[in-house]
């Protein structure tokens, strides 16, 4: 009745990471909004931009030319400053910060 699917980890990772959660330009805008709101350092901003662009922590480390523990430290600092605990929470909070609240505008 239930079909068990096994994902090839390499192809799944590539497929899952290909479309970014937020577009390149939007990820910069989102990172800027979070940086201004929560006083992020330049290194934390660079890390956040890449995370919002769909990169994994390991990919971020490669892109920035730093060690993976450094990226994890940046992410921990971002989580502490923003009051989030997971990457998904951070992305959702960024989307909320950068999305206009159209529901509060009453049409007349």
PDB file of N, CA and C in Angstrom:
ATOM      1  N   UNK A   1       0.794  -1.192   0.000  1.00  0.00           N
ATOM      2  CA  UNK A   1       0.000   0.000   0.000  1.00  0.00           C
ATOM      3  C   UNK A   1       0.844   1.266   0.000  1.00  0.00           C
ATOM      4  N   UNK A   2       1.846   1.265   0.841  1.00  0.00           N
ATOM      5  CA  UNK A   2       2.729   2.419   0.890  1.00  0.00           C
ATOM      6  C   UNK A   2       3.982   2.127   0.092  1.00  0.00           C
ATOM      7  N   UNK A   3       4.373   3.058  -0.698  1.00  0.00           N
ATOM      8  CA  UNK A   3       5.570   2.879  -1.495  1.00  0.00           C
ATOM      9  C   UNK A   3       6.715   3.596  -0.811  1.00  0.00           C
ATOM     10  N   UNK A   4       7.758   2.877  -0.558  1.00  0.00           N
ATOM     11  CA  UNK A   4       8.935   3.458   0.084  1.00  0.00           C
ATOM     12  C   UNK A   4       9.864   3.956  -1.012  1.00  0.00           C
ATOM     13  N   UNK A   5      10.222   5.225  -0.941  1.00  0.00           N
ATOM     14  CA  UNK A   5      11.117   5.776  -1.947  1.00  0.00           C
ATOM     15  C   UNK A   5      12.463   6.044  -1.313  1.00  0.00           C
ATOM     16  N   UNK A   6      13.477   5.749  -2.046  1.00  0.00           N
ATOM     17  CA  UNK A   6      14.845   6.010  -1.594  1.00  0.00           C
ATOM     18  C   UNK A   6      15.415   7.086  -2.495  1.00  0.00           C
ATOM     19  N   UNK A   7      15.896   8.124  -1.856  1.00  0.00           N
ATOM     20  CA  UNK A   7      16.455   9.238  -2.620  1.00  0.00           C
ATOM     21  C   UNK A   7      17.958   9.090  -2.740  1.00  0.00           C
ATOM     22  N   UNK A   8      18.431   9.255  -3.930  1.00  0.00           N
ATOM     23  CA  UNK A   8      19.868   9.328  -4.139  1.00  0.00           C
ATOM     24  C   UNK A   8      20.312  10.650  -3.536  1.00  0.00           C
ATOM     25  N   UNK A   9      21.120  10.605  -2.497  1.00  0.00           N
ATOM     26  CA  UNK A   9      21.428  11.818  -1.743  1.00  0.00           C
ATOM     27  C   UNK A   9      22.063  12.905  -2.609  1.00  0.00           C
ATOM     28  N   UNK A  10      22.926  12.536  -3.535  1.00  0.00           N
ATOM     29  CA  UNK A  10      23.580  13.555  -4.368  1.00  0.00           C
ATOM     30  C   UNK A  10      22.579  14.231  -5.299  1.00  0.00           C
ATOM     31  N   UNK A  11      21.753  13.449  -5.978  1.00  0.00           N
ATOM     32  CA  UNK A  11      20.805  14.067  -6.909  1.00  0.00           C
ATOM     33  C   UNK A  11      19.701  14.797  -6.157  1.00  0.00           C
ATOM     34  N   UNK A  12      19.294  14.272  -4.988  1.00  0.00           N
ATOM     35  CA  UNK A  12      18.274  14.959  -4.197  1.00  0.00           C
ATOM     36  C   UNK A  12      18.794  16.304  -3.721  1.00  0.00           C
ATOM     37  N   UNK A  13      20.031  16.333  -3.233  1.00  0.00           N
ATOM     38  CA  UNK A  13      20.617  17.571  -2.758  1.00  0.00           C
ATOM     39  C   UNK A  13      20.697  18.588  -3.899  1.00  0.00           C
ATOM     40  N   UNK A  14      21.105  18.137  -5.067  1.00  0.00           N
ATOM     41  CA  UNK A  14      21.217  19.041  -6.204  1.00  0.00           C
ATOM     42  C   UNK A  14      19.841  19.572  -6.597  1.00  0.00           C
ATOM     43  N   UNK A  15      18.845  18.705  -6.651  1.00  0.00           N
ATOM     44  CA  UNK A  15      17.502  19.130  -7.023  1.00  0.00           C
ATOM     45  C   UNK A  15      16.916  20.054  -5.969  1.00  0.00           C
ATOM     46  N   UNK A  16      17.106  19.716  -4.709  1.00  0.00           N
ATOM     47  CA  UNK A  16      16.531  20.516  -3.633  1.00  0.00           C
ATOM     48  C   UNK A  16      17.203  21.869  -3.525  1.00  0.00           C
ATOM     49  N   UNK A  17      18.484  21.936  -3.821  1.00  0.00           N
ATOM     50  CA  UNK A  17      19.201  23.191  -3.653  1.00  0.00           C
ATOM     51  C   UNK A  17      19.154  24.070  -4.902  1.00  0.00           C
ATOM     52  N   UNK A  18      18.783  23.515  -6.040  1.00  0.00           N
ATOM     53  CA  UNK A  18      18.802  24.290  -7.273  1.00  0.00           C
ATOM     54  C   UNK A  18      17.923  25.529  -7.233  1.00  0.00           C
ATOM     55  N   UNK A  19      16.634  25.396  -6.975  1.00  0.00           N
ATOM     56  CA  UNK A  19      15.837  26.613  -6.899  1.00  0.00           C
ATOM     57  C   UNK A  19      16.049  27.260  -5.540  1.00  0.00           C
ATOM     58  N   UNK A  20      16.482  28.503  -5.551  1.00  0.00           N
ATOM     59  CA  UNK A  20      16.692  29.171  -4.275  1.00  0.00           C
ATOM     60  C   UNK A  20      15.355  29.530  -3.663  1.00  0.00           C
ATOM     61  N   UNK A  21      15.334  29.589  -2.347  1.00  0.00           N
ATOM     62  CA  UNK A  21      14.105  29.939  -1.649  1.00  0.00           C
ATOM     63  C   UNK A  21      13.709  31.371  -1.947  1.00  0.00           C
ATOM     64  N   UNK A  22      14.698  32.197  -2.124  1.00  0.00           N
ATOM     65  CA  UNK A  22      14.480  33.601  -2.439  1.00  0.00           C
ATOM     66  C   UNK A  22      15.445  33.908  -3.581  1.00  0.00           C
ATOM     67  N   UNK A  23      15.035  34.691  -4.575  1.00  0.00           N
ATOM     68  CA  UNK A  23      15.907  35.011  -5.696  1.00  0.00           C
ATOM     69  C   UNK A  23      17.179  35.730  -5.277  1.00  0.00           C
ATOM     70  N   UNK A  24      18.178  35.758  -6.167  1.00  0.00           N
ATOM     71  CA  UNK A  24      19.467  36.376  -5.847  1.00  0.00           C
ATOM     72  C   UNK A  24      19.313  37.806  -5.355  1.00  0.00           C
ATOM     73  N   UNK A  25      18.621  38.641  -6.119  1.00  0.00           N
ATOM     74  CA  UNK A  25      18.460  40.030  -5.731  1.00  0.00           C
ATOM     75  C   UNK A  25      17.631  40.141  -4.453  1.00  0.00           C
ATOM     76  N   UNK A  26      16.597  39.329  -4.344  1.00  0.00           N
ATOM     77  CA  UNK A  26      15.753  39.349  -3.159  1.00  0.00           C
ATOM     78  C   UNK A  26      16.507  38.888  -1.925  1.00  0.00           C
ATOM     79  N   UNK A  27      17.448  37.931  -2.106  1.00  0.00           N
ATOM     80  CA  UNK A  27      18.195  37.446  -0.946  1.00  0.00           C
ATOM     81  C   UNK A  27      19.067  38.547  -0.370  1.00  0.00           C
ATOM     82  N   UNK A  28      19.592  39.402  -1.244  1.00  0.00           N
ATOM     83  CA  UNK A  28      20.383  40.538  -0.772  1.00  0.00           C
ATOM     84  C   UNK A  28      19.497  41.538  -0.039  1.00  0.00           C
ATOM     85  N   UNK A  29      18.316  41.791  -0.585  1.00  0.00           N
ATOM     86  CA  UNK A  29      17.368  42.708   0.061  1.00  0.00           C
ATOM     87  C   UNK A  29      16.941  42.138   1.406  1.00  0.00           C
ATOM     88  N   UNK A  30      16.635  40.827   1.432  1.00  0.00           N
ATOM     89  CA  UNK A  30      16.243  40.184   2.678  1.00  0.00           C
ATOM     90  C   UNK A  30      17.349  40.231   3.714  1.00  0.00           C
ATOM     91  N   UNK A  31      18.581  39.953   3.289  1.00  0.00           N
ATOM     92  CA  UNK A  31      19.715  39.991   4.206  1.00  0.00           C
ATOM     93  C   UNK A  31      19.924  41.409   4.721  1.00  0.00           C
ATOM     94  N   UNK A  32      19.760  42.398   3.846  1.00  0.00           N
ATOM     95  CA  UNK A  32      19.908  43.798   4.270  1.00  0.00           C
ATOM     96  C   UNK A  32      18.859  44.169   5.313  1.00  0.00           C
ATOM     97  N   UNK A  33      17.636  43.695   5.126  1.00  0.00           N
ATOM     98  CA  UNK A  33      16.571  43.993   6.082  1.00  0.00           C
ATOM     99  C   UNK A  33      16.860  43.360   7.436  1.00  0.00           C
ATOM    100  N   UNK A  34      17.306  42.107   7.424  1.00  0.00           N
ATOM    101  CA  UNK A  34      17.638  41.426   8.674  1.00  0.00           C
ATOM    102  C   UNK A  34      18.850  42.086   9.320  1.00  0.00           C
ATOM    103  N   UNK A  35      19.855  42.436   8.506  1.00  0.00           N
ATOM    104  CA  UNK A  35      21.068  43.064   9.037  1.00  0.00           C
ATOM    105  C   UNK A  35      20.755  44.387   9.716  1.00  0.00           C
ATOM    106  N   UNK A  36      19.898  45.189   9.096  1.00  0.00           N
ATOM    107  CA  UNK A  36      19.537  46.485   9.668  1.00  0.00           C
ATOM    108  C   UNK A  36      18.714  46.323  10.939  1.00  0.00           C
ATOM    109  N   UNK A  37      17.855  45.331  10.955  1.00  0.00           N
ATOM    110  CA  UNK A  37      16.979  45.113  12.101  1.00  0.00           C
ATOM    111  C   UNK A  37      17.722  44.511  13.293  1.00  0.00           C
ATOM    112  N   UNK A  38      18.674  43.624  13.014  1.00  0.00           N
ATOM    113  CA  UNK A  38      19.313  42.869  14.091  1.00  0.00           C
ATOM    114  C   UNK A  38      20.810  43.138  14.242  1.00  0.00           C
ATOM    115  N   UNK A  39      21.327  44.164  13.564  1.00  0.00           N
ATOM    116  CA  UNK A  39      22.724  44.570  13.717  1.00  0.00           C
ATOM    117  C   UNK A  39      23.712  43.435  13.441  1.00  0.00           C
ATOM    118  N   UNK A  40      23.598  42.821  12.268  1.00  0.00           N
ATOM    119  CA  UNK A  40      24.502  41.743  11.884  1.00  0.00           C
ATOM    120  C   UNK A  40      25.843  42.292  11.426  1.00  0.00           C
ATOM    121  N   UNK A  41      26.893  41.506  11.632  1.00  0.00           N
ATOM    122  CA  UNK A  41      28.230  41.880  11.164  1.00  0.00           C
ATOM    123  C   UNK A  41      28.320  41.621   9.664  1.00  0.00           C
ATOM    124  N   UNK A  42      29.320  42.189   8.978  1.00  0.00           N
ATOM    125  CA  UNK A  42      29.483  41.921   7.544  1.00  0.00           C
ATOM    126  C   UNK A  42      29.628  40.425   7.227  1.00  0.00           C
ATOM    127  N   UNK A  43      30.346  39.688   8.056  1.00  0.00           N
ATOM    128  CA  UNK A  43      30.507  38.246   7.813  1.00  0.00           C
ATOM    129  C   UNK A  43      29.179  37.518   7.975  1.00  0.00           C
ATOM    130  N   UNK A  44      28.389  37.928   8.951  1.00  0.00           N
ATOM    131  CA  UNK A  44      27.075  37.317   9.145  1.00  0.00           C
ATOM    132  C   UNK A  44      26.151  37.646   7.974  1.00  0.00           C
ATOM    133  N   UNK A  45      26.254  38.839   7.445  1.00  0.00           N
ATOM    134  CA  UNK A  45      25.447  39.239   6.283  1.00  0.00           C
ATOM    135  C   UNK A  45      25.804  38.383   5.068  1.00  0.00           C
ATOM    136  N   UNK A  46      27.097  38.196   4.816  1.00  0.00           N
ATOM    137  CA  UNK A  46      27.524  37.369   3.679  1.00  0.00           C
ATOM    138  C   UNK A  46      27.002  35.934   3.831  1.00  0.00           C
ATOM    139  N   UNK A  47      27.062  35.419   5.041  1.00  0.00           N
ATOM    140  CA  UNK A  47      26.564  34.065   5.310  1.00  0.00           C
ATOM    141  C   UNK A  47      25.062  34.003   5.075  1.00  0.00           C
ATOM    142  N   UNK A  48      24.335  34.972   5.591  1.00  0.00           N
ATOM    143  CA  UNK A  48      22.882  34.999   5.439  1.00  0.00           C
ATOM    144  C   UNK A  48      22.474  35.136   3.974  1.00  0.00           C
ATOM    145  N   UNK A  49      23.150  35.988   3.213  1.00  0.00           N
ATOM    146  CA  UNK A  49      22.834  36.148   1.790  1.00  0.00           C
ATOM    147  C   UNK A  49      22.913  34.815   1.064  1.00  0.00           C
ATOM    148  N   UNK A  50      23.955  34.063   1.343  1.00  0.00           N
ATOM    149  CA  UNK A  50      24.126  32.781   0.665  1.00  0.00           C
ATOM    150  C   UNK A  50      23.114  31.744   1.147  1.00  0.00           C
ATOM    151  N   UNK A  51      22.799  31.771   2.431  1.00  0.00           N
ATOM    152  CA  UNK A  51      21.782  30.868   2.953  1.00  0.00           C
ATOM    153  C   UNK A  51      20.436  31.153   2.292  1.00  0.00           C
ATOM    154  N   UNK A  52      20.083  32.418   2.185  1.00  0.00           N
ATOM    155  CA  UNK A  52      18.821  32.805   1.546  1.00  0.00           C
ATOM    156  C   UNK A  52      18.829  32.496   0.057  1.00  0.00           C
ATOM    157  N   UNK A  53      20.022  32.448  -0.534  1.00  0.00           N
ATOM    158  CA  UNK A  53      20.155  32.092  -1.945  1.00  0.00           C
ATOM    159  C   UNK A  53      20.059  30.602  -2.201  1.00  0.00           C
ATOM    160  N   UNK A  54      19.951  29.805  -1.130  1.00  0.00           N
ATOM    161  CA  UNK A  54      19.774  28.368  -1.293  1.00  0.00           C
ATOM    162  C   UNK A  54      21.002  27.532  -1.034  1.00  0.00           C
ATOM    163  N   UNK A  55      22.099  28.135  -0.592  1.00  0.00           N
ATOM    164  CA  UNK A  55      23.319  27.378  -0.328  1.00  0.00           C
ATOM    165  C   UNK A  55      23.261  26.699   1.033  1.00  0.00           C
ATOM    166  N   UNK A  56      23.852  25.526   1.112  1.00  0.00           N
ATOM    167  CA  UNK A  56      23.969  24.816   2.389  1.00  0.00           C
ATOM    168  C   UNK A  56      25.160  25.404   3.154  1.00  0.00           C
ATOM    169  N   UNK A  57      25.256  25.140   4.452  1.00  0.00           N
ATOM    170  CA  UNK A  57      26.420  25.627   5.195  1.00  0.00           C
ATOM    171  C   UNK A  57      27.758  25.192   4.583  1.00  0.00           C
ATOM    172  N   UNK A  58      27.840  23.954   4.097  1.00  0.00           N
ATOM    173  CA  UNK A  58      29.081  23.484   3.468  1.00  0.00           C
ATOM    174  C   UNK A  58      29.374  24.273   2.188  1.00  0.00           C
ATOM    175  N   UNK A  59      28.338  24.540   1.399  1.00  0.00           N
ATOM    176  CA  UNK A  59      28.526  25.325   0.174  1.00  0.00           C
ATOM    177  C   UNK A  59      28.918  26.762   0.507  1.00  0.00           C
ATOM    178  N   UNK A  60      28.328  27.308   1.550  1.00  0.00           N
ATOM    179  CA  UNK A  60      28.668  28.668   1.981  1.00  0.00           C
ATOM    180  C   UNK A  60      30.140  28.733   2.362  1.00  0.00           C
ATOM    181  N   UNK A  61      30.608  27.734   3.100  1.00  0.00           N
ATOM    182  CA  UNK A  61      32.020  27.687   3.498  1.00  0.00           C
ATOM    183  C   UNK A  61      32.922  27.683   2.268  1.00  0.00           C
ATOM    184  N   UNK A  62      32.572  26.868   1.263  1.00  0.00           N
ATOM    185  CA  UNK A  62      33.355  26.815   0.027  1.00  0.00           C
ATOM    186  C   UNK A  62      33.328  28.153  -0.708  1.00  0.00           C
ATOM    187  N   UNK A  63      32.128  28.741  -0.812  1.00  0.00           N
ATOM    188  CA  UNK A  63      31.980  30.011  -1.534  1.00  0.00           C
ATOM    189  C   UNK A  63      32.750  31.145  -0.864  1.00  0.00           C
ATOM    190  N   UNK A  64      32.762  31.157   0.462  1.00  0.00           N
ATOM    191  CA  UNK A  64      33.428  32.243   1.191  1.00  0.00           C
ATOM    192  C   UNK A  64      34.896  31.940   1.483  1.00  0.00           C
ATOM    193  N   UNK A  65      35.313  30.699   1.248  1.00  0.00           N
ATOM    194  CA  UNK A  65      36.701  30.328   1.508  1.00  0.00           C
ATOM    195  C   UNK A  65      37.021  30.263   2.995  1.00  0.00           C
ATOM    196  N   UNK A  66      36.041  29.816   3.779  1.00  0.00           N
ATOM    197  CA  UNK A  66      36.236  29.672   5.227  1.00  0.00           C
ATOM    198  C   UNK A  66      35.913  28.240   5.626  1.00  0.00           C
ATOM    199  N   UNK A  67      36.242  27.883   6.849  1.00  0.00           N
ATOM    200  CA  UNK A  67      35.956  26.546   7.344  1.00  0.00           C
ATOM    201  C   UNK A  67      34.478  26.421   7.716  1.00  0.00           C
ATOM    202  N   UNK A  68      33.963  25.211   7.625  1.00  0.00           N
ATOM    203  CA  UNK A  68      32.571  24.957   7.974  1.00  0.00           C
ATOM    204  C   UNK A  68      32.248  25.380   9.411  1.00  0.00           C
ATOM    205  N   UNK A  69      33.124  25.123  10.394  1.00  0.00           N
ATOM    206  CA  UNK A  69      32.812  25.606  11.753  1.00  0.00           C
ATOM    207  C   UNK A  69      32.658  27.126  11.833  1.00  0.00           C
ATOM    208  N   UNK A  70      33.346  27.855  10.982  1.00  0.00           N
ATOM    209  CA  UNK A  70      33.191  29.313  10.947  1.00  0.00           C
ATOM    210  C   UNK A  70      31.789  29.685  10.494  1.00  0.00           C
ATOM    211  N   UNK A  71      31.308  29.022   9.462  1.00  0.00           N
ATOM    212  CA  UNK A  71      29.937  29.271   8.974  1.00  0.00           C
ATOM    213  C   UNK A  71      28.936  28.914  10.061  1.00  0.00           C
ATOM    214  N   UNK A  72      29.167  27.804  10.737  1.00  0.00           N
ATOM    215  CA  UNK A  72      28.256  27.407  11.820  1.00  0.00           C
ATOM    216  C   UNK A  72      28.249  28.441  12.938  1.00  0.00           C
ATOM    217  N   UNK A  73      29.405  29.017  13.228  1.00  0.00           N
ATOM    218  CA  UNK A  73      29.484  30.075  14.240  1.00  0.00           C
ATOM    219  C   UNK A  73      28.687  31.293  13.802  1.00  0.00           C
ATOM    220  N   UNK A  74      28.851  31.686  12.529  1.00  0.00           N
ATOM    221  CA  UNK A  74      28.081  32.822  12.002  1.00  0.00           C
ATOM    222  C   UNK A  74      26.585  32.548  12.109  1.00  0.00           C
ATOM    223  N   UNK A  75      26.168  31.333  11.733  1.00  0.00           N
ATOM    224  CA  UNK A  75      24.751  30.986  11.810  1.00  0.00           C
ATOM    225  C   UNK A  75      24.258  31.004  13.255  1.00  0.00           C
ATOM    226  N   UNK A  76      25.058  30.500  14.175  1.00  0.00           N
ATOM    227  CA  UNK A  76      24.675  30.527  15.593  1.00  0.00           C
ATOM    228  C   UNK A  76      24.495  31.953  16.084  1.00  0.00           C
ATOM    229  N   UNK A  77      25.411  32.830  15.656  1.00  0.00           N
ATOM    230  CA  UNK A  77      25.299  34.241  16.039  1.00  0.00           C
ATOM    231  C   UNK A  77      24.046  34.880  15.442  1.00  0.00           C
ATOM    232  N   UNK A  78      23.747  34.545  14.197  1.00  0.00           N
ATOM    233  CA  UNK A  78      22.547  35.082  13.549  1.00  0.00           C
ATOM    234  C   UNK A  78      21.304  34.577  14.273  1.00  0.00           C
ATOM    235  N   UNK A  79      21.276  33.287  14.601  1.00  0.00           N
ATOM    236  CA  UNK A  79      20.131  32.725  15.323  1.00  0.00           C
ATOM    237  C   UNK A  79      19.948  33.442  16.659  1.00  0.00           C
ATOM    238  N   UNK A  80      21.039  33.665  17.373  1.00  0.00           N
ATOM    239  CA  UNK A  80      20.953  34.333  18.685  1.00  0.00           C
ATOM    240  C   UNK A  80      20.434  35.765  18.543  1.00  0.00           C
ATOM    241  N   UNK A  81      20.921  36.478  17.549  1.00  0.00           N
ATOM    242  CA  UNK A  81      20.509  37.871  17.364  1.00  0.00           C
ATOM    243  C   UNK A  81      19.062  37.999  16.904  1.00  0.00           C
ATOM    244  N   UNK A  82      18.606  37.035  16.113  1.00  0.00           N
ATOM    245  CA  UNK A  82      17.256  37.120  15.549  1.00  0.00           C
ATOM    246  C   UNK A  82      16.213  36.378  16.377  1.00  0.00           C
ATOM    247  N   UNK A  83      16.649  35.597  17.338  1.00  0.00           N
ATOM    248  CA  UNK A  83      15.722  34.833  18.148  1.00  0.00           C
ATOM    249  C   UNK A  83      15.158  33.622  17.425  1.00  0.00           C
ATOM    250  N   UNK A  84      15.842  33.171  16.381  1.00  0.00           N
ATOM    251  CA  UNK A  84      15.431  31.977  15.656  1.00  0.00           C
ATOM    252  C   UNK A  84      16.305  30.808  16.101  1.00  0.00           C
ATOM    253  N   UNK A  85      15.881  29.602  15.759  1.00  0.00           N
ATOM    254  CA  UNK A  85      16.633  28.425  16.183  1.00  0.00           C
ATOM    255  C   UNK A  85      17.026  27.514  15.027  1.00  0.00           C
ATOM    256  N   UNK A  86      16.392  27.714  13.867  1.00  0.00           N
ATOM    257  CA  UNK A  86      16.656  26.855  12.716  1.00  0.00           C
ATOM    258  C   UNK A  86      16.783  27.701  11.462  1.00  0.00           C
ATOM    259  N   UNK A  87      17.424  27.133  10.441  1.00  0.00           N
ATOM    260  CA  UNK A  87      17.581  27.844   9.179  1.00  0.00           C
ATOM    261  C   UNK A  87      16.216  28.187   8.582  1.00  0.00           C
ATOM    262  N   UNK A  88      15.283  27.262   8.652  1.00  0.00           N
ATOM    263  CA  UNK A  88      13.948  27.513   8.099  1.00  0.00           C
ATOM    264  C   UNK A  88      13.280  28.687   8.807  1.00  0.00           C
ATOM    265  N   UNK A  89      13.392  28.745  10.135  1.00  0.00           N
ATOM    266  CA  UNK A  89      12.806  29.857  10.889  1.00  0.00           C
ATOM    267  C   UNK A  89      13.411  31.183  10.440  1.00  0.00           C
ATOM    268  N   UNK A  90      14.707  31.170  10.202  1.00  0.00           N
ATOM    269  CA  UNK A  90      15.404  32.381   9.769  1.00  0.00           C
ATOM    270  C   UNK A  90      14.923  32.819   8.386  1.00  0.00           C
ATOM    271  N   UNK A  91      14.767  31.875   7.482  1.00  0.00           N
ATOM    272  CA  UNK A  91      14.284  32.193   6.129  1.00  0.00           C
ATOM    273  C   UNK A  91      12.851  32.728   6.191  1.00  0.00           C
ATOM    274  N   UNK A  92      11.998  32.071   6.972  1.00  0.00           N
ATOM    275  CA  UNK A  92      10.607  32.522   7.084  1.00  0.00           C
ATOM    276  C   UNK A  92      10.524  33.919   7.701  1.00  0.00           C
ATOM    277  N   UNK A  93      11.348  34.186   8.712  1.00  0.00           N
ATOM    278  CA  UNK A  93      11.358  35.502   9.326  1.00  0.00           C
ATOM    279  C   UNK A  93      11.810  36.568   8.310  1.00  0.00           C
ATOM    280  N   UNK A  94      12.790  36.219   7.492  1.00  0.00           N
ATOM    281  CA  UNK A  94      13.273  37.149   6.470  1.00  0.00           C
ATOM    282  C   UNK A  94      12.181  37.451   5.458  1.00  0.00           C
ATOM    283  N   UNK A  95      11.451  36.429   5.053  1.00  0.00           N
ATOM    284  CA  UNK A  95      10.348  36.625   4.109  1.00  0.00           C
ATOM    285  C   UNK A  95       9.297  37.544   4.731  1.00  0.00           C
ATOM    286  N   UNK A  96       8.993  37.332   5.993  1.00  0.00           N
ATOM    287  CA  UNK A  96       8.008  38.179   6.669  1.00  0.00           C
ATOM    288  C   UNK A  96       8.479  39.626   6.762  1.00  0.00           C
ATOM    289  N   UNK A  97       9.777  39.819   6.996  1.00  0.00           N
ATOM    290  CA  UNK A  97      10.316  41.179   7.090  1.00  0.00           C
ATOM    291  C   UNK A  97      10.266  41.923   5.759  1.00  0.00           C
ATOM    292  N   UNK A  98      10.371  41.185   4.676  1.00  0.00           N
ATOM    293  CA  UNK A  98      10.494  41.819   3.362  1.00  0.00           C
ATOM    294  C   UNK A  98       9.224  41.762   2.525  1.00  0.00           C
ATOM    295  N   UNK A  99       8.172  41.148   3.050  1.00  0.00           N
ATOM    296  CA  UNK A  99       6.916  41.043   2.312  1.00  0.00           C
ATOM    297  C   UNK A  99       5.936  42.085   2.838  1.00  0.00           C
ATOM    298  N   UNK A 100       5.394  42.924   1.953  1.00  0.00           N
ATOM    299  CA  UNK A 100       4.409  43.901   2.416  1.00  0.00           C
ATOM    300  C   UNK A 100       3.177  43.201   2.968  1.00  0.00           C
ATOM    301  N   UNK A 101       2.596  43.792   3.976  1.00  0.00           N
ATOM    302  CA  UNK A 101       1.398  43.218   4.573  1.00  0.00           C
ATOM    303  C   UNK A 101       0.183  43.759   3.824  1.00  0.00           C
ATOM    304  N   UNK A 102      -0.194  43.042   2.784  1.00  0.00           N
ATOM    305  CA  UNK A 102      -1.297  43.485   1.939  1.00  0.00           C
ATOM    306  C   UNK A 102      -2.640  43.289   2.624  1.00  0.00           C
ATOM    307  N   UNK A 103      -2.698  42.391   3.595  1.00  0.00           N
ATOM    308  CA  UNK A 103      -3.949  42.126   4.291  1.00  0.00           C
ATOM    309  C   UNK A 103      -4.395  43.291   5.154  1.00  0.00           C
ATOM    310  N   UNK A 104      -3.462  44.141   5.575  1.00  0.00           N
ATOM    311  CA  UNK A 104      -3.828  45.258   6.442  1.00  0.00           C
ATOM    312  C   UNK A 104      -4.350  46.449   5.656  1.00  0.00           C
ATOM    313  N   UNK A 105      -4.143  46.432   4.339  1.00  0.00           N
ATOM    314  CA  UNK A 105      -4.651  47.536   3.518  1.00  0.00           C
ATOM    315  C   UNK A 105      -6.087  47.240   3.130  1.00  0.00           C
ATOM    316  N   UNK A 106      -6.957  48.172   3.441  1.00  0.00           N
ATOM    317  CA  UNK A 106      -8.354  47.975   3.096  1.00  0.00           C
ATOM    318  C   UNK A 106      -8.653  48.633   1.771  1.00  0.00           C
ATOM    319  N   UNK A 107      -9.279  47.869   0.884  1.00  0.00           N
ATOM    320  CA  UNK A 107      -9.642  48.402  -0.418  1.00  0.00           C
ATOM    321  C   UNK A 107     -10.850  49.327  -0.293  1.00  0.00           C
ATOM    322  N   UNK A 108     -10.834  50.400  -1.051  1.00  0.00           N
ATOM    323  CA  UNK A 108     -11.945  51.312  -0.862  1.00  0.00           C
ATOM    324  C   UNK A 108     -12.561  51.742  -2.076  1.00  0.00           C
TER     325      UNK A 108
END
